[in-house]
PDB file of N, CA and C in Angstrom:
ATOM      1  N   MET A   1     -46.096   7.294 -94.527  1.00  0.00           N
ATOM      2  CA  MET A   1     -46.235   7.316 -95.980  1.00  0.00           C
ATOM      3  C   MET A   1     -47.143   8.734 -96.555  1.00  0.00           C
ATOM      4  N   SER A   2     -46.691   9.726 -97.146  1.00  0.00           N
ATOM      5  CA  SER A   2     -47.763  10.420 -97.790  1.00  0.00           C
ATOM      6  C   SER A   2     -47.617  10.610 -99.272  1.00  0.00           C
ATOM      7  N   VAL A   3     -48.751  10.745 -99.423  1.00  0.00           N
ATOM      8  CA  VAL A   3     -49.447  10.548-100.851  1.00  0.00           C
ATOM      9  C   VAL A   3     -48.646  12.262-101.830  1.00  0.00           C
ATOM     10  N   ARG A   4     -47.863  11.484-102.801  1.00  0.00           N
ATOM     11  CA  ARG A   4     -47.671  12.890-103.498  1.00  0.00           C
ATOM     12  C   ARG A   4     -48.299  12.794-104.633  1.00  0.00           C
ATOM     13  N   SER A   5     -48.351  14.027-105.630  1.00  0.00           N
ATOM     14  CA  SER A   5     -49.047  14.010-106.785  1.00  0.00           C
ATOM     15  C   SER A   5     -48.376  15.057-107.870  1.00  0.00           C
ATOM     16  N   PHE A   6     -48.574  14.156-108.708  1.00  0.00           N
ATOM     17  CA  PHE A   6     -47.844  14.937-110.205  1.00  0.00           C
ATOM     18  C   PHE A   6     -48.962  15.433-111.053  1.00  0.00           C
ATOM     19  N   LYS A   7     -48.574  16.740-111.747  1.00  0.00           N
ATOM     20  CA  LYS A   7     -49.398  17.228-112.510  1.00  0.00           C
ATOM     21  C   LYS A   7     -49.172  16.924-113.909  1.00  0.00           C
ATOM     22  N   VAL A   8     -49.944  16.163-114.781  1.00  0.00           N
ATOM     23  CA  VAL A   8     -49.872  16.013-115.732  1.00  0.00           C
ATOM     24  C   VAL A   8     -50.018  16.904-117.049  1.00  0.00           C
ATOM     25  N   ASP A   9     -49.030  17.628-117.441  1.00  0.00           N
ATOM     26  CA  ASP A   9     -49.625  18.810-118.717  1.00  0.00           C
ATOM     27  C   ASP A   9     -48.452  18.671-119.800  1.00  0.00           C
ATOM     28  N   ASN A  10     -48.530  17.873-120.772  1.00  0.00           N
ATOM     29  CA  ASN A  10     -47.622  17.552-121.715  1.00  0.00           C
ATOM     30  C   ASN A  10     -47.056  18.522-122.844  1.00  0.00           C
ATOM     31  N   ALA A  11     -48.151  19.421-123.018  1.00  0.00           N
ATOM     32  CA  ALA A  11     -48.073  20.680-123.929  1.00  0.00           C
ATOM     33  C   ALA A  11     -47.757  20.291-125.240  1.00  0.00           C
ATOM     34  N   ALA A  12     -48.835  18.996-125.754  1.00  0.00           N
ATOM     35  CA  ALA A  12     -48.983  18.427-126.763  1.00  0.00           C
ATOM     36  C   ALA A  12     -47.444  17.729-127.520  1.00  0.00           C
ATOM     37  N   SER A  13     -46.551  17.492-126.525  1.00  0.00           N
ATOM     38  CA  SER A  13     -45.102  16.864-126.816  1.00  0.00           C
ATOM     39  C   SER A  13     -45.548  15.020-126.896  1.00  0.00           C
ATOM     40  N   ALA A  14     -44.570  14.533-128.018  1.00  0.00           N
ATOM     41  CA  ALA A  14     -44.554  13.487-127.755  1.00  0.00           C
ATOM     42  C   ALA A  14     -43.401  12.523-127.162  1.00  0.00           C
ATOM     43  N   ASN A  15     -42.700  13.598-126.123  1.00  0.00           N
ATOM     44  CA  ASN A  15     -41.720  13.298-125.115  1.00  0.00           C
ATOM     45  C   ASN A  15     -42.490  12.541-124.013  1.00  0.00           C
ATOM     46  N   ASP A  16     -41.270  11.511-123.235  1.00  0.00           N
ATOM     47  CA  ASP A  16     -41.708  10.749-122.388  1.00  0.00           C
ATOM     48  C   ASP A  16     -41.855  12.128-121.047  1.00  0.00           C
ATOM     49  N   ILE A  17     -42.313  11.853-119.962  1.00  0.00           N
ATOM     50  CA  ILE A  17     -42.557  12.464-118.938  1.00  0.00           C
ATOM     51  C   ILE A  17     -42.238  11.664-117.694  1.00  0.00           C
ATOM     52  N   GLN A  18     -41.244  12.166-116.928  1.00  0.00           N
ATOM     53  CA  GLN A  18     -40.702  11.960-115.549  1.00  0.00           C
ATOM     54  C   GLN A  18     -41.573  12.079-114.708  1.00  0.00           C
ATOM     55  N   VAL A  19     -42.602  11.063-114.549  1.00  0.00           N
ATOM     56  CA  VAL A  19     -43.678  11.264-113.034  1.00  0.00           C
ATOM     57  C   VAL A  19     -42.812  11.342-111.808  1.00  0.00           C
ATOM     58  N   ALA A  20     -41.984  10.523-111.723  1.00  0.00           N
ATOM     59  CA  ALA A  20     -41.422  10.663-110.280  1.00  0.00           C
ATOM     60  C   ALA A  20     -39.822  10.001-110.417  1.00  0.00           C
ATOM     61  N   ALA A  21     -38.974  10.641-109.781  1.00  0.00           N
ATOM     62  CA  ALA A  21     -37.461  10.125-110.163  1.00  0.00           C
ATOM     63  C   ALA A  21     -37.468   8.729-109.335  1.00  0.00           C
ATOM     64  N   ALA A  22     -36.245   8.138-109.621  1.00  0.00           N
ATOM     65  CA  ALA A  22     -35.993   6.603-108.934  1.00  0.00           C
ATOM     66  C   ALA A  22     -36.098   7.128-107.374  1.00  0.00           C
ATOM     67  N   PRO A  23     -36.758   6.190-106.589  1.00  0.00           N
ATOM     68  CA  PRO A  23     -36.825   6.287-105.048  1.00  0.00           C
ATOM     69  C   PRO A  23     -35.453   5.654-104.690  1.00  0.00           C
ATOM     70  N   GLY A  24     -35.614   5.817-103.283  1.00  0.00           N
ATOM     71  CA  GLY A  24     -34.125   5.229-102.251  1.00  0.00           C
ATOM     72  C   GLY A  24     -34.232   3.525-102.663  1.00  0.00           C
ATOM     73  N   THR A  25     -33.144   3.021-102.249  1.00  0.00           N
ATOM     74  CA  THR A  25     -32.822   1.766-102.282  1.00  0.00           C
ATOM     75  C   THR A  25     -33.986   0.921-101.533  1.00  0.00           C
ATOM     76  N   ASN A  26     -34.399  -0.273-102.184  1.00  0.00           N
ATOM     77  CA  ASN A  26     -35.561  -1.076-101.876  1.00  0.00           C
ATOM     78  C   ASN A  26     -36.852  -0.249-101.836  1.00  0.00           C
ATOM     79  N   GLN A  27     -36.908   0.517-102.471  1.00  0.00           N
ATOM     80  CA  GLN A  27     -38.212   1.086-102.704  1.00  0.00           C
ATOM     81  C   GLN A  27     -38.930   1.227-104.080  1.00  0.00           C
ATOM     82  N   VAL A  28     -40.226   1.176-104.133  1.00  0.00           N
ATOM     83  CA  VAL A  28     -41.038   1.336-105.246  1.00  0.00           C
ATOM     84  C   VAL A  28     -41.777   2.497-105.389  1.00  0.00           C
ATOM     85  N   ILE A  29     -42.413   2.997-106.569  1.00  0.00           N
ATOM     86  CA  ILE A  29     -43.499   4.041-106.554  1.00  0.00           C
ATOM     87  C   ILE A  29     -44.663   3.173-106.737  1.00  0.00           C
ATOM     88  N   ARG A  30     -45.440   3.604-105.882  1.00  0.00           N
ATOM     89  CA  ARG A  30     -46.665   2.837-105.807  1.00  0.00           C
ATOM     90  C   ARG A  30     -47.784   3.834-106.267  1.00  0.00           C
ATOM     91  N   VAL A  31     -48.732   3.708-107.413  1.00  0.00           N
ATOM     92  CA  VAL A  31     -49.434   4.867-108.056  1.00  0.00           C
ATOM     93  C   VAL A  31     -50.784   4.210-107.619  1.00  0.00           C
ATOM     94  N   ILE A  32     -51.401   5.528-106.915  1.00  0.00           N
ATOM     95  CA  ILE A  32     -52.531   4.985-106.207  1.00  0.00           C
ATOM     96  C   ILE A  32     -53.799   5.466-106.851  1.00  0.00           C
ATOM     97  N   ASN A  33     -53.551   6.568-107.640  1.00  0.00           N
ATOM     98  CA  ASN A  33     -54.653   6.747-109.210  1.00  0.00           C
ATOM     99  C   ASN A  33     -54.212   7.781-109.590  1.00  0.00           C
ATOM    100  N   PHE A  34     -55.303   7.531-110.880  1.00  0.00           N
ATOM    101  CA  PHE A  34     -54.620   8.783-111.834  1.00  0.00           C
ATOM    102  C   PHE A  34     -55.838   9.157-112.622  1.00  0.00           C
ATOM    103  N   VAL A  35     -55.793  10.432-113.319  1.00  0.00           N
ATOM    104  CA  VAL A  35     -56.626  10.849-114.179  1.00  0.00           C
ATOM    105  C   VAL A  35     -56.191  11.317-115.411  1.00  0.00           C
ATOM    106  N   LEU A  36     -56.433  11.112-116.676  1.00  0.00           N
ATOM    107  CA  LEU A  36     -55.795  11.403-117.734  1.00  0.00           C
ATOM    108  C   LEU A  36     -56.845  11.882-118.887  1.00  0.00           C
ATOM    109  N   VAL A  37     -56.804  13.032-119.316  1.00  0.00           N
ATOM    110  CA  VAL A  37     -57.885  13.418-120.397  1.00  0.00           C
ATOM    111  C   VAL A  37     -56.994  14.012-121.438  1.00  0.00           C
ATOM    112  N   ALA A  38     -57.183  13.700-122.760  1.00  0.00           N
ATOM    113  CA  ALA A  38     -56.231  14.176-124.079  1.00  0.00           C
ATOM    114  C   ALA A  38     -57.340  15.086-124.879  1.00  0.00           C
ATOM    115  N   ASN A  39     -56.650  16.203-125.965  1.00  0.00           N
ATOM    116  CA  ASN A  39     -57.474  16.952-126.489  1.00  0.00           C
ATOM    117  C   ASN A  39     -57.463  16.040-127.809  1.00  0.00           C
ATOM    118  N   GLY A  40     -57.034  14.926-128.170  1.00  0.00           N
ATOM    119  CA  GLY A  40     -57.261  14.246-129.602  1.00  0.00           C
ATOM    120  C   GLY A  40     -56.960  12.656-129.061  1.00  0.00           C
ATOM    121  N   THR A  41     -57.047  12.078-130.147  1.00  0.00           N
ATOM    122  CA  THR A  41     -56.670  10.680-129.846  1.00  0.00           C
ATOM    123  C   THR A  41     -55.212  10.295-129.656  1.00  0.00           C
ATOM    124  N   VAL A  42     -54.841   9.574-128.908  1.00  0.00           N
ATOM    125  CA  VAL A  42     -53.026   9.451-128.594  1.00  0.00           C
ATOM    126  C   VAL A  42     -53.583   8.031-127.561  1.00  0.00           C
ATOM    127  N   THR A  43     -52.351   7.323-127.364  1.00  0.00           N
ATOM    128  CA  THR A  43     -52.031   6.501-126.639  1.00  0.00           C
ATOM    129  C   THR A  43     -50.674   6.737-125.269  1.00  0.00           C
ATOM    130  N   VAL A  44     -51.201   6.497-124.156  1.00  0.00           N
ATOM    131  CA  VAL A  44     -50.375   6.722-123.045  1.00  0.00           C
ATOM    132  C   VAL A  44     -49.991   5.271-122.508  1.00  0.00           C
ATOM    133  N   GLN A  45     -48.746   4.920-121.586  1.00  0.00           N
ATOM    134  CA  GLN A  45     -48.581   4.023-121.236  1.00  0.00           C
ATOM    135  C   GLN A  45     -47.695   4.324-120.140  1.00  0.00           C
ATOM    136  N   PHE A  46     -47.662   3.870-118.871  1.00  0.00           N
ATOM    137  CA  PHE A  46     -46.739   4.051-117.810  1.00  0.00           C
ATOM    138  C   PHE A  46     -45.624   2.677-118.075  1.00  0.00           C
ATOM    139  N   ALA A  47     -44.272   3.188-117.408  1.00  0.00           N
ATOM    140  CA  ALA A  47     -43.547   2.327-117.801  1.00  0.00           C
ATOM    141  C   ALA A  47     -42.424   2.831-116.354  1.00  0.00           C
ATOM    142  N   SER A  48     -41.512   2.083-116.234  1.00  0.00           N
ATOM    143  CA  SER A  48     -40.343   1.903-114.842  1.00  0.00           C
ATOM    144  C   SER A  48     -38.921   2.248-115.475  1.00  0.00           C
ATOM    145  N   GLY A  49     -38.662   3.547-115.170  1.00  0.00           N
ATOM    146  CA  GLY A  49     -37.273   3.850-115.643  1.00  0.00           C
ATOM    147  C   GLY A  49     -36.813   5.396-115.414  1.00  0.00           C
ATOM    148  N   THR A  50     -36.315   6.034-116.364  1.00  0.00           N
ATOM    149  CA  THR A  50     -35.835   7.230-116.872  1.00  0.00           C
ATOM    150  C   THR A  50     -36.594   7.568-118.087  1.00  0.00           C
ATOM    151  N   ALA A  51     -37.085   8.750-118.063  1.00  0.00           N
ATOM    152  CA  ALA A  51     -37.908   9.433-119.501  1.00  0.00           C
ATOM    153  C   ALA A  51     -36.349   9.804-119.845  1.00  0.00           C
ATOM    154  N   GLY A  52     -36.993   9.183-121.455  1.00  0.00           N
ATOM    155  CA  GLY A  52     -35.787   9.573-122.868  1.00  0.00           C
ATOM    156  C   GLY A  52     -34.598   8.956-122.407  1.00  0.00           C
ATOM    157  N   ALA A  53     -34.380   7.936-121.521  1.00  0.00           N
ATOM    158  CA  ALA A  53     -33.122   7.155-121.642  1.00  0.00           C
ATOM    159  C   ALA A  53     -33.182   5.716-122.287  1.00  0.00           C
ATOM    160  N   GLY A  54     -34.337   5.239-122.651  1.00  0.00           N
ATOM    161  CA  GLY A  54     -34.145   3.903-123.198  1.00  0.00           C
ATOM    162  C   GLY A  54     -34.375   2.555-122.352  1.00  0.00           C
ATOM    163  N   GLY A  55     -34.508   1.701-122.438  1.00  0.00           N
ATOM    164  CA  GLY A  55     -34.240   0.688-121.779  1.00  0.00           C
ATOM    165  C   GLY A  55     -35.496   0.271-120.671  1.00  0.00           C
ATOM    166  N   GLN A  56     -36.716   1.419-120.864  1.00  0.00           N
ATOM    167  CA  GLN A  56     -37.667   1.369-119.801  1.00  0.00           C
ATOM    168  C   GLN A  56     -38.571  -0.086-119.431  1.00  0.00           C
ATOM    169  N   THR A  57     -38.999  -0.441-118.428  1.00  0.00           N
ATOM    170  CA  THR A  57     -39.996  -1.814-118.708  1.00  0.00           C
ATOM    171  C   THR A  57     -41.242  -1.164-118.371  1.00  0.00           C
ATOM    172  N   ALA A  58     -42.063  -1.605-119.446  1.00  0.00           N
ATOM    173  CA  ALA A  58     -43.406  -1.272-119.595  1.00  0.00           C
ATOM    174  C   ALA A  58     -44.312  -1.842-118.280  1.00  0.00           C
ATOM    175  N   LEU A  59     -44.749  -0.790-117.516  1.00  0.00           N
ATOM    176  CA  LEU A  59     -45.860  -1.274-116.422  1.00  0.00           C
ATOM    177  C   LEU A  59     -47.335  -1.361-116.683  1.00  0.00           C
ATOM    178  N   THR A  60     -47.579  -0.872-117.829  1.00  0.00           N
ATOM    179  CA  THR A  60     -49.112  -1.319-118.428  1.00  0.00           C
ATOM    180  C   THR A  60     -48.781  -1.059-120.068  1.00  0.00           C
ATOM    181  N   GLY A  61     -49.945  -1.680-120.541  1.00  0.00           N
ATOM    182  CA  GLY A  61     -49.898  -1.760-122.044  1.00  0.00           C
ATOM    183  C   GLY A  61     -50.244  -0.325-122.527  1.00  0.00           C
ATOM    184  N   PRO A  62     -50.045   0.226-123.817  1.00  0.00           N
ATOM    185  CA  PRO A  62     -50.706   1.401-124.598  1.00  0.00           C
ATOM    186  C   PRO A  62     -52.235   1.351-124.444  1.00  0.00           C
ATOM    187  N   MET A  63     -52.437   2.566-123.583  1.00  0.00           N
ATOM    188  CA  MET A  63     -54.191   2.839-123.416  1.00  0.00           C
ATOM    189  C   MET A  63     -54.398   3.999-124.142  1.00  0.00           C
ATOM    190  N   GLN A  64     -55.538   3.581-125.246  1.00  0.00           N
ATOM    191  CA  GLN A  64     -55.847   4.865-125.878  1.00  0.00           C
ATOM    192  C   GLN A  64     -56.847   5.969-125.207  1.00  0.00           C
ATOM    193  N   LEU A  65     -56.517   7.050-125.364  1.00  0.00           N
ATOM    194  CA  LEU A  65     -57.520   7.871-125.149  1.00  0.00           C
ATOM    195  C   LEU A  65     -58.015   8.958-126.344  1.00  0.00           C
ATOM    196  N   ALA A  66     -59.129   8.874-126.292  1.00  0.00           N
ATOM    197  CA  ALA A  66     -60.040   9.551-127.181  1.00  0.00           C
ATOM    198  C   ALA A  66     -60.301  11.031-126.720  1.00  0.00           C
ATOM    199  N   ALA A  67     -60.420  12.114-127.568  1.00  0.00           N
ATOM    200  CA  ALA A  67     -60.395  13.411-127.147  1.00  0.00           C
ATOM    201  C   ALA A  67     -61.923  13.781-126.157  1.00  0.00           C
ATOM    202  N   GLY A  68     -61.533  14.313-124.992  1.00  0.00           N
ATOM    203  CA  GLY A  68     -62.219  14.869-123.986  1.00  0.00           C
ATOM    204  C   GLY A  68     -63.113  13.664-123.325  1.00  0.00           C
ATOM    205  N   ASN A  69     -62.367  12.370-123.282  1.00  0.00           N
ATOM    206  CA  ASN A  69     -62.671  11.165-122.610  1.00  0.00           C
ATOM    207  C   ASN A  69     -61.732  10.891-121.693  1.00  0.00           C
ATOM    208  N   PRO A  70     -61.945  11.266-120.318  1.00  0.00           N
ATOM    209  CA  PRO A  70     -60.777  10.887-119.307  1.00  0.00           C
ATOM    210  C   PRO A  70     -60.750   9.238-118.969  1.00  0.00           C
ATOM    211  N   LEU A  71     -59.654   8.955-118.848  1.00  0.00           N
ATOM    212  CA  LEU A  71     -59.008   7.989-118.245  1.00  0.00           C
ATOM    213  C   LEU A  71     -58.715   8.003-116.617  1.00  0.00           C
ATOM    214  N   GLN A  72     -59.769   7.206-116.131  1.00  0.00           N
ATOM    215  CA  GLN A  72     -59.909   7.224-114.680  1.00  0.00           C
ATOM    216  C   GLN A  72     -60.316   6.136-114.052  1.00  0.00           C
ATOM    217  N   PRO A  73     -59.283   5.189-113.861  1.00  0.00           N
ATOM    218  CA  PRO A  73     -59.648   4.171-113.719  1.00  0.00           C
ATOM    219  C   PRO A  73     -59.726   3.833-111.990  1.00  0.00           C
ATOM    220  N   GLY A  74     -61.141   2.730-112.197  1.00  0.00           N
ATOM    221  CA  GLY A  74     -61.250   2.625-110.374  1.00  0.00           C
ATOM    222  C   GLY A  74     -60.391   1.735-109.491  1.00  0.00           C
ATOM    223  N   ALA A  75     -60.489   1.219-108.266  1.00  0.00           N
ATOM    224  CA  ALA A  75     -59.733   0.663-107.570  1.00  0.00           C
ATOM    225  C   ALA A  75     -59.631  -0.596-107.805  1.00  0.00           C
ATOM    226  N   VAL A  76     -58.254  -1.267-107.988  1.00  0.00           N
ATOM    227  CA  VAL A  76     -57.934  -2.575-108.167  1.00  0.00           C
ATOM    228  C   VAL A  76     -57.362  -3.311-107.582  1.00  0.00           C
ATOM    229  N   GLY A  77     -56.626  -3.094-106.306  1.00  0.00           N
ATOM    230  CA  GLY A  77     -56.198  -3.360-105.128  1.00  0.00           C
ATOM    231  C   GLY A  77     -56.080  -2.570-104.168  1.00  0.00           C
ATOM    232  N   SER A  78     -54.874  -3.085-102.945  1.00  0.00           N
ATOM    233  CA  SER A  78     -54.876  -2.278-101.836  1.00  0.00           C
ATOM    234  C   SER A  78     -53.459  -2.311-101.427  1.00  0.00           C
ATOM    235  N   ASP A  79     -52.853  -1.389-100.653  1.00  0.00           N
ATOM    236  CA  ASP A  79     -51.748  -1.587-100.108  1.00  0.00           C
ATOM    237  C   ASP A  79     -52.000  -1.900 -98.614  1.00  0.00           C
ATOM    238  N   PHE A  80     -50.963  -1.827 -97.880  1.00  0.00           N
ATOM    239  CA  PHE A  80     -50.960  -2.329 -96.479  1.00  0.00           C
ATOM    240  C   PHE A  80     -51.319  -1.353 -95.552  1.00  0.00           C
ATOM    241  N   HIS A  81     -52.104  -0.329 -95.870  1.00  0.00           N
ATOM    242  CA  HIS A  81     -52.292   0.829 -95.394  1.00  0.00           C
ATOM    243  C   HIS A  81     -54.052   0.670 -95.779  1.00  0.00           C
ATOM    244  N   GLY A  82     -54.187  -0.110 -96.881  1.00  0.00           N
ATOM    245  CA  GLY A  82     -55.913  -0.467 -97.323  1.00  0.00           C
ATOM    246  C   GLY A  82     -55.980   0.850 -98.342  1.00  0.00           C
ATOM    247  N   ARG A  83     -54.994   1.611 -98.682  1.00  0.00           N
ATOM    248  CA  ARG A  83     -55.220   2.553-100.173  1.00  0.00           C
ATOM    249  C   ARG A  83     -55.508   1.860-101.239  1.00  0.00           C
ATOM    250  N   ALA A  84     -56.269   2.286-102.399  1.00  0.00           N
ATOM    251  CA  ALA A  84     -56.148   1.651-103.478  1.00  0.00           C
ATOM    252  C   ALA A  84     -55.187   1.885-104.382  1.00  0.00           C
ATOM    253  N   THR A  85     -54.662   0.685-105.064  1.00  0.00           N
ATOM    254  CA  THR A  85     -53.308   0.966-105.958  1.00  0.00           C
ATOM    255  C   THR A  85     -53.581   0.391-107.055  1.00  0.00           C
ATOM    256  N   HIS A  86     -52.825   0.706-107.949  1.00  0.00           N
ATOM    257  CA  HIS A  86     -52.684   0.101-109.694  1.00  0.00           C
ATOM    258  C   HIS A  86     -51.651  -0.725-109.907  1.00  0.00           C
ATOM    259  N   PHE A  87     -50.539  -0.227-109.613  1.00  0.00           N
ATOM    260  CA  PHE A  87     -49.510  -1.132-110.010  1.00  0.00           C
ATOM    261  C   PHE A  87     -47.895   0.024-109.443  1.00  0.00           C
ATOM    262  N   ASP A  88     -46.973  -1.070-109.326  1.00  0.00           N
ATOM    263  CA  ASP A  88     -45.741  -0.382-109.035  1.00  0.00           C
ATOM    264  C   ASP A  88     -44.526  -0.232-109.866  1.00  0.00           C
ATOM    265  N   SER A  89     -43.602   0.550-109.627  1.00  0.00           N
ATOM    266  CA  SER A  89     -42.548   0.688-110.454  1.00  0.00           C
ATOM    267  C   SER A  89     -41.820  -0.543-110.141  1.00  0.00           C
ATOM    268  N   ASN A  90     -40.737  -0.811-110.930  1.00  0.00           N
ATOM    269  CA  ASN A  90     -39.742  -1.801-110.250  1.00  0.00           C
ATOM    270  C   ASN A  90     -38.664  -1.381-109.471  1.00  0.00           C
ATOM    271  N   VAL A  91     -38.410  -2.250-108.644  1.00  0.00           N
ATOM    272  CA  VAL A  91     -37.572  -1.322-107.232  1.00  0.00           C
ATOM    273  C   VAL A  91     -36.451  -0.416-107.730  1.00  0.00           C
ATOM    274  N   GLY A  92     -36.322   0.586-106.786  1.00  0.00           N
ATOM    275  CA  GLY A  92     -35.435   1.647-106.921  1.00  0.00           C
ATOM    276  C   GLY A  92     -35.405   2.231-108.276  1.00  0.00           C
ATOM    277  N   GLU A  93     -36.602   2.267-109.363  1.00  0.00           N
ATOM    278  CA  GLU A  93     -36.692   2.915-110.579  1.00  0.00           C
ATOM    279  C   GLU A  93     -37.454   3.961-110.490  1.00  0.00           C
ATOM    280  N   GLY A  94     -37.376   5.153-111.324  1.00  0.00           N
ATOM    281  CA  GLY A  94     -38.535   5.902-111.600  1.00  0.00           C
ATOM    282  C   GLY A  94     -39.858   5.755-112.201  1.00  0.00           C
ATOM    283  N   LEU A  95     -40.738   6.632-112.566  1.00  0.00           N
ATOM    284  CA  LEU A  95     -42.143   6.425-112.990  1.00  0.00           C
ATOM    285  C   LEU A  95     -41.929   7.307-114.113  1.00  0.00           C
ATOM    286  N   VAL A  96     -42.187   6.669-115.460  1.00  0.00           N
ATOM    287  CA  VAL A  96     -42.690   7.296-116.557  1.00  0.00           C
ATOM    288  C   VAL A  96     -43.734   7.570-117.136  1.00  0.00           C
ATOM    289  N   LEU A  97     -44.318   8.202-117.656  1.00  0.00           N
ATOM    290  CA  LEU A  97     -45.263   7.981-118.481  1.00  0.00           C
ATOM    291  C   LEU A  97     -45.117   8.581-119.920  1.00  0.00           C
ATOM    292  N   LYS A  98     -45.377   7.664-120.969  1.00  0.00           N
ATOM    293  CA  LYS A  98     -44.857   7.609-122.289  1.00  0.00           C
ATOM    294  C   LYS A  98     -45.858   8.057-123.492  1.00  0.00           C
ATOM    295  N   PHE A  99     -45.732   9.037-124.347  1.00  0.00           N
ATOM    296  CA  PHE A  99     -47.303   9.564-125.276  1.00  0.00           C
ATOM    297  C   PHE A  99     -46.762   8.697-126.450  1.00  0.00           C
ATOM    298  N   GLY A 100     -47.780   8.279-127.125  1.00  0.00           N
ATOM    299  CA  GLY A 100     -47.761   7.657-128.418  1.00  0.00           C
ATOM    300  C   GLY A 100     -47.745   8.680-129.871  1.00  0.00           C
ATOM    301  N   GLY A 101     -47.811  10.069-129.565  1.00  0.00           N
ATOM    302  CA  GLY A 101     -47.947  10.974-130.297  1.00  0.00           C
ATOM    303  C   GLY A 101     -47.962  12.525-129.553  1.00  0.00           C
ATOM    304  N   ALA A 102     -47.841  13.338-130.183  1.00  0.00           N
ATOM    305  CA  ALA A 102     -48.118  14.980-129.968  1.00  0.00           C
ATOM    306  C   ALA A 102     -49.481  15.364-129.704  1.00  0.00           C
ATOM    307  N   VAL A 103     -49.970  15.193-128.780  1.00  0.00           N
ATOM    308  CA  VAL A 103     -51.189  15.627-128.471  1.00  0.00           C
ATOM    309  C   VAL A 103     -51.164  15.742-127.012  1.00  0.00           C
ATOM    310  N   GLN A 104     -51.852  16.988-126.540  1.00  0.00           N
ATOM    311  CA  GLN A 104     -52.026  17.345-125.543  1.00  0.00           C
ATOM    312  C   GLN A 104     -52.965  16.678-124.547  1.00  0.00           C
ATOM    313  N   VAL A 105     -52.169  16.106-123.379  1.00  0.00           N
ATOM    314  CA  VAL A 105     -52.418  15.302-122.073  1.00  0.00           C
ATOM    315  C   VAL A 105     -52.849  16.332-120.920  1.00  0.00           C
ATOM    316  N   SER A 106     -53.518  15.886-120.408  1.00  0.00           N
ATOM    317  CA  SER A 106     -53.437  16.793-118.713  1.00  0.00           C
ATOM    318  C   SER A 106     -54.272  15.719-117.819  1.00  0.00           C
ATOM    319  N   GLY A 107     -53.941  15.971-116.686  1.00  0.00           N
ATOM    320  CA  GLY A 107     -54.424  15.270-115.755  1.00  0.00           C
ATOM    321  C   GLY A 107     -53.377  15.340-114.199  1.00  0.00           C
ATOM    322  N   TYR A 108     -53.668  14.178-113.368  1.00  0.00           N
ATOM    323  CA  TYR A 108     -52.475  14.025-112.423  1.00  0.00           C
ATOM    324  C   TYR A 108     -52.385  12.762-112.096  1.00  0.00           C
ATOM    325  N   VAL A 109     -51.393  12.108-111.600  1.00  0.00           N
ATOM    326  CA  VAL A 109     -51.102  10.952-111.080  1.00  0.00           C
ATOM    327  C   VAL A 109     -50.662  10.971-109.539  1.00  0.00           C
ATOM    328  N   ASN A 110     -51.231  10.190-108.699  1.00  0.00           N
ATOM    329  CA  ASN A 110     -51.095  10.361-107.240  1.00  0.00           C
ATOM    330  C   ASN A 110     -50.196   9.031-106.836  1.00  0.00           C
ATOM    331  N   TYR A 111     -49.210   9.295-106.102  1.00  0.00           N
ATOM    332  CA  TYR A 111     -48.657   8.018-105.705  1.00  0.00           C
ATOM    333  C   TYR A 111     -47.836   7.661-104.398  1.00  0.00           C
ATOM    334  N   ILE A 112     -47.482   7.075-103.693  1.00  0.00           N
ATOM    335  CA  ILE A 112     -46.301   6.895-102.538  1.00  0.00           C
ATOM    336  C   ILE A 112     -45.275   6.462-102.903  1.00  0.00           C
ATOM    337  N   LEU A 113     -44.180   6.814-102.265  1.00  0.00           N
ATOM    338  CA  LEU A 113     -42.790   5.808-102.335  1.00  0.00           C
ATOM    339  C   LEU A 113     -43.346   4.734-100.982  1.00  0.00           C
ATOM    340  N   ALA A 114     -43.087   3.609-101.481  1.00  0.00           N
ATOM    341  CA  ALA A 114     -43.206   2.314-100.653  1.00  0.00           C
ATOM    342  C   ALA A 114     -42.223   1.045-100.543  1.00  0.00           C
ATOM    343  N   PRO A 115     -42.013   0.406 -99.392  1.00  0.00           N
ATOM    344  CA  PRO A 115     -40.754  -0.644 -99.765  1.00  0.00           C
ATOM    345  C   PRO A 115     -41.278  -1.470-100.415  1.00  0.00           C
ATOM    346  N   GLN A 116     -40.311  -2.069-101.054  1.00  0.00           N
ATOM    347  CA  GLN A 116     -40.695  -3.220-101.886  1.00  0.00           C
ATOM    348  C   GLN A 116     -41.329  -4.226-101.425  1.00  0.00           C
ATOM    349  N   GLY A 117     -42.244  -5.281-102.202  1.00  0.00           N
ATOM    350  CA  GLY A 117     -42.861  -6.245-101.461  1.00  0.00           C
ATOM    351  C   GLY A 117     -44.329  -6.023-101.354  1.00  0.00           C
TER     352      GLY A 117
END
């Protein structure tokens, strides 16, 4: 399993961003780490599903970003290879980053595709 990276650059849009498309059957998208920084105050939230499609399942609560203060969580768990992990998408669903307003947010999300469980 190789680590994949998604560059977050929402260009001050309030639209959802599809971080990763739905993986294969019986797979999840496992977030290894992420860093987000905003140019102003805005909330961000990770969800499982498809960007803009509705019916997404929240994976985190809304997290408030303040201008210039990065959100850079430490390690909270580990996968079976000993890598630090934060959360998984629902089985067979994509990973979405939702924005609470039209504020520039930049950063990255590192993840792997992993078997469910």
